[in-house]
Protein backbone atom coordinates (compact mmCIF):
# COMPACT_ATOMS: atom_id res chain seq x y z
CA MET A 1 74.31 107.06 95.14
CA ASP A 2 77.41 108.19 97.33
CA HIS A 3 79.34 110.89 96.20
CA PHE A 4 82.89 109.41 94.19
CA ASP A 5 85.66 111.55 94.88
CA TYR A 6 88.21 109.53 92.37
CA LYS A 7 91.58 111.21 93.60
CA TYR A 8 90.53 110.44 97.26
CA TYR A 9 89.56 107.01 96.19
CA LEU A 10 92.47 105.86 94.61
CA GLU A 11 95.04 108.16 97.51
CA LYS A 12 93.08 106.38 100.07
CA TYR A 13 93.25 102.92 98.68
CA THR A 14 96.97 102.71 97.38
CA ASP A 15 96.27 98.61 95.79
CA LEU A 16 93.58 100.98 93.08
CA SER A 17 96.32 103.47 92.13
CA HIS A 18 96.65 101.68 88.84
CA LEU A 19 92.74 101.80 87.89
CA ASP A 20 91.37 105.13 85.75
CA TYR A 21 88.04 107.12 86.61
CA ASP A 22 85.71 104.26 85.22
CA LYS A 23 87.03 101.20 86.28
CA ALA A 24 88.26 102.94 89.89
CA LEU A 25 83.82 103.68 90.28
CA ASP A 26 82.76 100.86 88.87
CA HIS A 27 85.03 99.18 91.80
CA TYR A 28 83.30 101.06 94.46
CA ILE A 29 79.76 100.39 93.56
CA THR A 30 81.07 96.65 92.63
CA TYR A 31 83.21 95.38 95.22
CA GLY A 32 84.13 98.43 96.88
CA LYS A 33 80.28 99.49 98.91
CA LYS A 34 80.59 95.92 99.66
CA GLU A 35 84.18 95.93 101.99
CA GLY A 36 83.21 99.06 103.22
CA ARG A 37 85.79 101.22 101.61
CA VAL A 38 84.82 104.69 101.43
CA ALA A 39 83.92 106.91 98.79
CA CYS A 40 84.65 110.26 99.79
CA LYS A 41 86.21 112.07 102.64
CA LYS A 42 83.53 112.95 104.59
CA PHE A 43 83.70 113.14 108.48
CA ALA A 44 81.60 111.31 110.50
CA ASN A 45 82.47 112.73 114.44
CA THR A 46 83.20 116.58 114.06
CA VAL A 47 82.68 116.88 117.83
CA THR A 48 84.99 114.03 119.78
CA ASN A 49 88.85 115.32 119.91
CA ILE A 50 90.95 113.78 119.63
CA THR A 51 95.10 113.10 119.81
CA ILE A 52 96.81 110.44 118.54
CA VAL A 53 99.65 109.74 120.48
CA LEU A 54 102.51 107.47 118.14
CA HIS A 55 105.50 106.16 119.50
CA LEU A 56 107.74 105.76 116.14
CA PHE A 57 110.89 103.74 117.31
CA ASN A 58 111.27 101.95 114.29
CA THR A 59 111.04 104.43 111.64
CA ASN A 60 110.42 101.39 109.49
CA LEU A 61 107.26 101.55 110.35
CA PHE A 62 106.01 104.73 109.65
CA ASP A 63 103.78 103.76 105.99
CA GLU A 64 102.10 101.02 108.46
CA MET A 65 101.20 103.81 111.10
CA LYS A 66 100.85 106.72 108.63
CA SER A 67 97.70 104.75 106.83
CA TYR A 68 96.12 103.81 110.13
CA ILE A 69 96.52 107.56 111.38
CA LYS A 70 94.71 108.63 107.64
CA ASN A 71 91.78 106.38 108.97
CA VAL A 72 91.54 108.25 112.15
CA ILE A 73 91.61 111.62 110.30
CA ASP A 74 88.99 110.68 107.87
CA VAL A 75 85.97 109.52 110.75
CA PHE A 76 87.15 112.74 112.68
CA SER A 77 87.57 116.11 111.83
CA ASN A 78 89.53 117.10 115.48
CA VAL A 79 92.39 115.83 115.26
CA ASN A 80 95.66 116.23 117.63
CA ILE A 81 99.13 114.09 116.16
CA ILE A 82 101.98 113.85 119.20
CA ILE A 83 104.22 112.01 117.54
CA SER A 84 107.71 110.75 119.13
CA ILE A 85 111.16 109.80 117.96
CA ASN A 86 114.22 108.71 119.08
CA GLU A 87 116.75 111.69 120.46
CA ASN A 88 118.88 110.91 117.85
CA SER A 89 116.24 110.51 114.71
CA ASN A 90 115.89 112.46 112.00
CA PHE A 91 112.81 111.79 110.38
CA LYS A 92 111.03 114.74 111.71
CA ASP A 93 111.13 115.68 108.18
CA GLU A 94 109.67 112.98 106.82
CA ILE A 95 107.18 113.29 109.23
CA ILE A 96 106.01 116.90 108.93
CA LYS A 97 105.82 116.10 105.05
CA ILE A 98 102.73 114.03 105.87
CA PHE A 99 101.58 115.44 108.56
CA PRO A 100 101.97 119.24 108.47
CA ASN A 101 100.32 120.08 111.82
CA ALA A 102 102.03 117.20 113.78
CA VAL A 103 103.78 118.22 117.20
CA VAL A 104 107.23 116.03 116.52
CA LEU A 105 109.06 115.40 120.02
CA LYS A 106 112.33 113.80 120.42
CA VAL A 107 112.81 111.59 123.25
CA GLU A 108 115.59 109.59 125.24
CA ASN A 109 115.01 105.69 124.46
CA LYS A 110 114.27 104.19 127.91
CA GLY A 111 110.92 102.76 128.84
CA VAL A 112 110.21 101.56 125.50
CA ASP A 113 106.71 103.25 124.50
CA ILE A 114 105.93 104.49 128.46
CA TYR A 115 108.25 107.04 128.92
CA PRO A 116 107.21 108.30 125.58
CA PHE A 117 103.66 108.69 126.76
CA LEU A 118 103.98 110.62 130.15
CA LEU A 119 106.35 112.82 128.16
CA SER A 120 103.54 113.40 125.11
CA ILE A 121 100.62 113.51 128.51
CA GLU A 122 102.30 116.21 129.83
CA TYR A 123 102.46 118.14 126.50
CA ILE A 124 98.68 117.90 126.37
CA ARG A 125 98.59 119.27 130.06
CA LYS A 126 101.05 122.32 129.01
CA ARG A 127 99.90 123.28 126.27
CA ASN A 128 95.78 122.60 127.09
CA ILE A 129 95.64 121.07 124.35
CA LYS A 130 91.53 119.96 123.76
CA THR A 131 91.23 116.25 124.22
CA ASP A 132 88.73 113.77 124.65
CA PHE A 133 90.60 110.25 124.08
CA ILE A 134 94.10 109.26 123.32
CA LEU A 135 94.46 107.03 121.17
CA LYS A 136 97.81 105.89 121.93
CA LEU A 137 99.85 103.28 119.56
CA HIS A 138 104.02 102.32 118.81
CA THR A 139 105.67 100.33 116.81
CA LYS A 140 105.24 97.08 118.67
CA GLU A 141 107.60 94.64 116.75
CA SER A 142 107.65 92.46 119.47
CA SER A 143 105.35 88.62 119.15
CA ASN A 144 103.57 86.99 121.83
CA ILE A 145 103.67 83.88 121.48
CA VAL A 146 102.62 82.53 124.91
CA GLU A 147 99.14 83.75 123.64
CA ASN A 148 99.60 83.30 120.24
CA LEU A 149 100.07 86.90 119.14
CA LYS A 150 102.53 85.85 116.56
CA ASN A 151 102.10 89.30 114.85
CA TRP A 152 101.26 91.25 118.33
CA ARG A 153 101.35 94.46 116.45
CA LYS A 154 98.42 93.97 114.03
CA ASP A 155 96.47 92.39 116.34
CA LEU A 156 96.35 95.32 118.72
CA ILE A 157 96.01 98.24 116.06
CA GLU A 158 94.30 97.54 113.04
CA PRO A 159 90.30 96.02 115.16
CA ILE A 160 90.54 99.89 116.38
CA VAL A 161 92.14 101.72 113.41
CA ASN A 162 89.50 100.15 110.45
CA CYS A 163 87.25 102.60 109.20
CA ASN A 164 84.26 100.24 109.18
CA ASN A 165 85.28 100.41 112.81
CA LEU A 166 85.67 103.62 113.56
CA LEU A 167 82.83 104.91 112.09
CA ILE A 168 81.02 102.84 114.75
CA ILE A 169 83.83 103.70 117.65
CA GLN A 170 82.79 107.60 117.29
CA ASN A 171 79.62 106.93 117.98
CA TYR A 172 80.33 105.44 121.27
CA PHE A 173 82.60 108.16 121.90
CA LYS A 174 79.07 110.49 121.48
CA LYS A 175 76.70 108.02 123.52
CA TYR A 176 78.45 106.82 126.41
CA LYS A 177 80.27 109.17 129.02
CA ASN A 178 81.72 106.47 131.11
CA ILE A 179 84.01 105.21 128.65
CA GLY A 180 87.58 103.60 130.08
CA TYR A 181 88.97 102.26 127.37
CA ILE A 182 88.57 100.29 123.82
CA ALA A 183 91.08 98.00 122.77
CA SER A 184 90.78 94.37 120.74
CA GLN A 185 89.63 91.56 122.97
CA LYS A 186 92.38 89.32 120.94
CA CYS A 187 95.04 91.51 123.32
CA ALA A 188 92.98 91.43 126.86
CA LEU A 189 94.46 89.37 129.35
CA PRO A 190 92.89 89.01 132.25
CA LYS A 191 94.33 89.38 135.76
CA ASN A 192 94.75 85.96 136.31
CA PHE A 193 96.94 86.08 134.28
CA ASP A 194 99.80 87.67 136.63
CA LEU A 195 99.17 84.41 138.68
CA ASP A 196 102.67 82.86 136.83
CA PHE A 197 103.97 86.47 137.46
CA LYS A 198 103.67 87.17 140.92
CA HIS A 199 106.34 89.94 140.58
CA ASN A 200 103.58 91.67 138.94
CA ILE A 201 101.17 91.14 141.81
CA LYS A 202 103.42 92.89 144.40
CA GLY A 203 104.56 95.82 142.63
CA ILE A 204 100.79 96.67 142.07
CA ASN A 205 100.22 96.18 145.20
CA ASP A 206 102.55 98.37 146.39
CA LEU A 207 102.05 100.98 144.08
CA CYS A 208 98.17 100.98 144.80
CA ASP A 209 99.56 101.40 148.75
CA LYS A 210 101.58 104.37 147.85
CA PHE A 211 99.00 106.06 145.84
CA PRO A 212 95.66 105.63 147.19
CA HIS A 213 93.60 107.16 144.64
CA LEU A 214 94.06 103.79 142.76
CA GLU A 215 91.69 101.13 142.26
CA LYS A 216 92.69 98.55 144.14
CA GLU A 217 90.24 96.03 141.82
CA TRP A 218 90.43 95.36 138.40
CA THR A 219 89.65 92.44 136.09
CA ASP A 220 91.31 92.33 132.98
CA PHE A 221 93.74 95.09 130.86
CA ASN A 222 95.04 95.36 127.49
CA GLY A 223 98.68 93.22 126.45
CA GLY A 224 100.28 95.45 124.66
CA ASN A 225 99.29 98.66 125.73
CA ILE A 226 97.74 99.91 122.47
CA PHE A 227 94.30 101.59 122.74
CA TRP A 228 91.65 104.06 122.68
CA ILE A 229 92.01 106.57 126.17
CA SER A 230 89.11 108.48 128.00
CA ASN A 231 91.54 111.81 128.88
CA ASP A 232 89.33 112.28 131.59
CA VAL A 233 90.66 109.27 132.63
CA LEU A 234 93.74 109.87 132.62
CA ASN A 235 93.51 113.39 134.01
CA SER A 236 92.07 111.07 137.37
CA TYR A 237 94.51 108.97 137.95
CA LEU A 238 97.57 109.60 136.23
CA THR A 239 98.49 112.37 138.51
CA PRO A 240 101.64 114.37 138.06
CA GLU A 241 103.50 112.90 141.44
CA LEU A 242 102.56 109.15 139.56
CA ILE A 243 104.03 110.69 136.54
CA LYS A 244 107.38 111.48 138.34
CA TYR A 245 107.26 108.45 140.51
CA ILE A 246 106.69 106.18 137.09
CA THR A 247 109.77 107.63 135.05
CA GLU A 248 112.01 107.98 138.52
CA ARG A 249 111.89 104.08 137.57
CA ILE A 250 111.96 103.37 133.87
CA PHE A 251 114.07 101.09 133.12
CA THR A 252 117.41 102.76 131.38
CA GLY A 253 120.20 100.08 131.07
CA GLY A 254 119.26 98.87 126.85
CA LYS A 255 116.52 96.81 126.00
CA LEU A 256 113.35 96.09 128.52
CA PRO A 257 114.70 92.47 129.92
CA SER A 258 111.19 89.53 129.38
CA ASN A 259 108.76 89.84 131.74
CA LEU A 260 108.78 85.76 131.29
CA THR A 261 111.96 85.18 132.45
CA ASP A 262 113.02 88.09 134.57
CA LYS A 263 111.74 88.10 137.77
CA ARG A 264 112.20 91.66 138.64
CA ILE A 265 109.58 94.70 139.10
CA PHE A 266 109.52 96.85 135.87
CA ILE A 267 107.39 99.59 136.22
CA GLU A 268 106.55 98.92 132.17
CA TYR A 269 105.44 95.97 132.88
CA LEU A 270 103.63 97.84 135.79
CA CYS A 271 101.69 100.76 133.70
CA GLU A 272 100.42 97.95 131.39
CA ARG A 273 98.20 96.68 133.89
CA ILE A 274 97.25 100.13 135.37
CA PHE A 275 96.44 101.83 132.13
CA THR A 276 93.59 99.93 131.24
CA GLY A 277 93.19 98.36 134.28
CA ILE A 278 93.48 99.79 137.37
CA PHE A 279 92.44 103.57 135.79
CA CYS A 280 89.47 102.13 134.07
CA TYR A 281 88.29 99.35 135.85
CA LYS A 282 84.90 101.67 136.94
CA LYS A 283 84.48 102.16 133.32
CA THR A 284 82.79 101.19 130.49
CA ASN A 285 85.20 99.59 128.50
CA ILE A 286 84.98 97.90 125.22
CA LEU A 287 86.35 95.22 123.51
CA VAL A 288 87.01 94.59 119.96
CA ASN A 289 86.24 91.14 118.59
CA GLU A 290 87.94 89.96 115.38
CA PHE A 291 86.12 88.55 112.21
CA LYS A 292 87.21 88.31 109.33
CA ALA A 293 85.23 88.38 106.00
CA LYS A 294 86.71 87.22 102.93
CA TYR A 295 85.75 89.33 99.27
CA ASN A 296 86.36 87.32 96.03
CA HIS A 297 86.94 89.35 92.36
CA ASP A 298 89.61 89.07 89.69
CA ASN A 299 90.99 86.61 91.46
CA MET A 300 92.28 88.79 94.29
CA PHE A 301 90.92 88.07 98.13
CA TYR A 302 90.59 91.56 100.10
CA TYR A 303 89.29 90.79 104.06
CA GLN A 304 87.52 93.30 105.97
CA ILE A 305 87.78 92.97 110.21
CA LEU A 306 84.19 93.02 110.85
CA LEU A 307 83.44 93.69 114.72
CA ILE A 308 81.24 92.46 117.50
CA TYR A 309 81.40 95.42 120.27
CA ASN A 310 81.30 93.99 123.95
CA ILE A 311 80.38 96.74 126.44
CA THR A 312 81.76 95.50 130.06
CA ILE A 313 80.80 97.84 132.44
CA ASN A 314 83.24 96.87 135.98
CA LYS A 315 81.65 96.97 138.76
């Protein structure tokens, strides 16, 4: 049997915190292993360098974000954490209490998740932080009724940070050399999605004309801007000149207008398309399908997201 770390098991799975050692061990043997729960901390990947970039605009979601980050830390031994918060926020101490080695950036409240992400990328580069892949997270609270994504944030995040799925993802990181991005298939939108948003098409075309190094062809993109992305991809395409161009056009007038109703060109909506669409067009991109399996014991139901990985190589 796997080595069982009682303290680790209860700290990781707070729904079991009431169990004593014998009951916790019995739970793992009978149910936990089948549900994909991990009995002890054991790094699966000691070679891939990860940086988690989280924009924590809604600090009330820190507990949720904390659980996602801890899942990654359980699988990868080399993890850097950069968390951005509002410049007027006093939440830094709460973050450092949980993640003592995290870098906390105070940022101006503009550009939704794009502006903080660009600042985080610049931070990584200026300090030469060794990074192979970046996990981009933010505390999205909006829904996408059009695409039936009523809990858009969790639809975006949970498939790519589930413990079992991370074990597969880390293996892809080691096996494939041309990965662009990994994201939830449920939140992948086809290029023709923008047939109803012709202002986005014009904005992308104008951007590609201005920056010839960008790919002019692309097929799909991650709607919601939460994904794993190769740092090599960002280094190739997200040049200092492009960062400056985007930053100068960030929306500063409060809440970003809806792309559904406001037909102006907003750089934030273009970034949604360029990060995973244009940047990753010629890369191996992995979309994660969602399948839910249900376990019933002690009149309780446990849900596990099992994934089928579709590797699509855009050429």
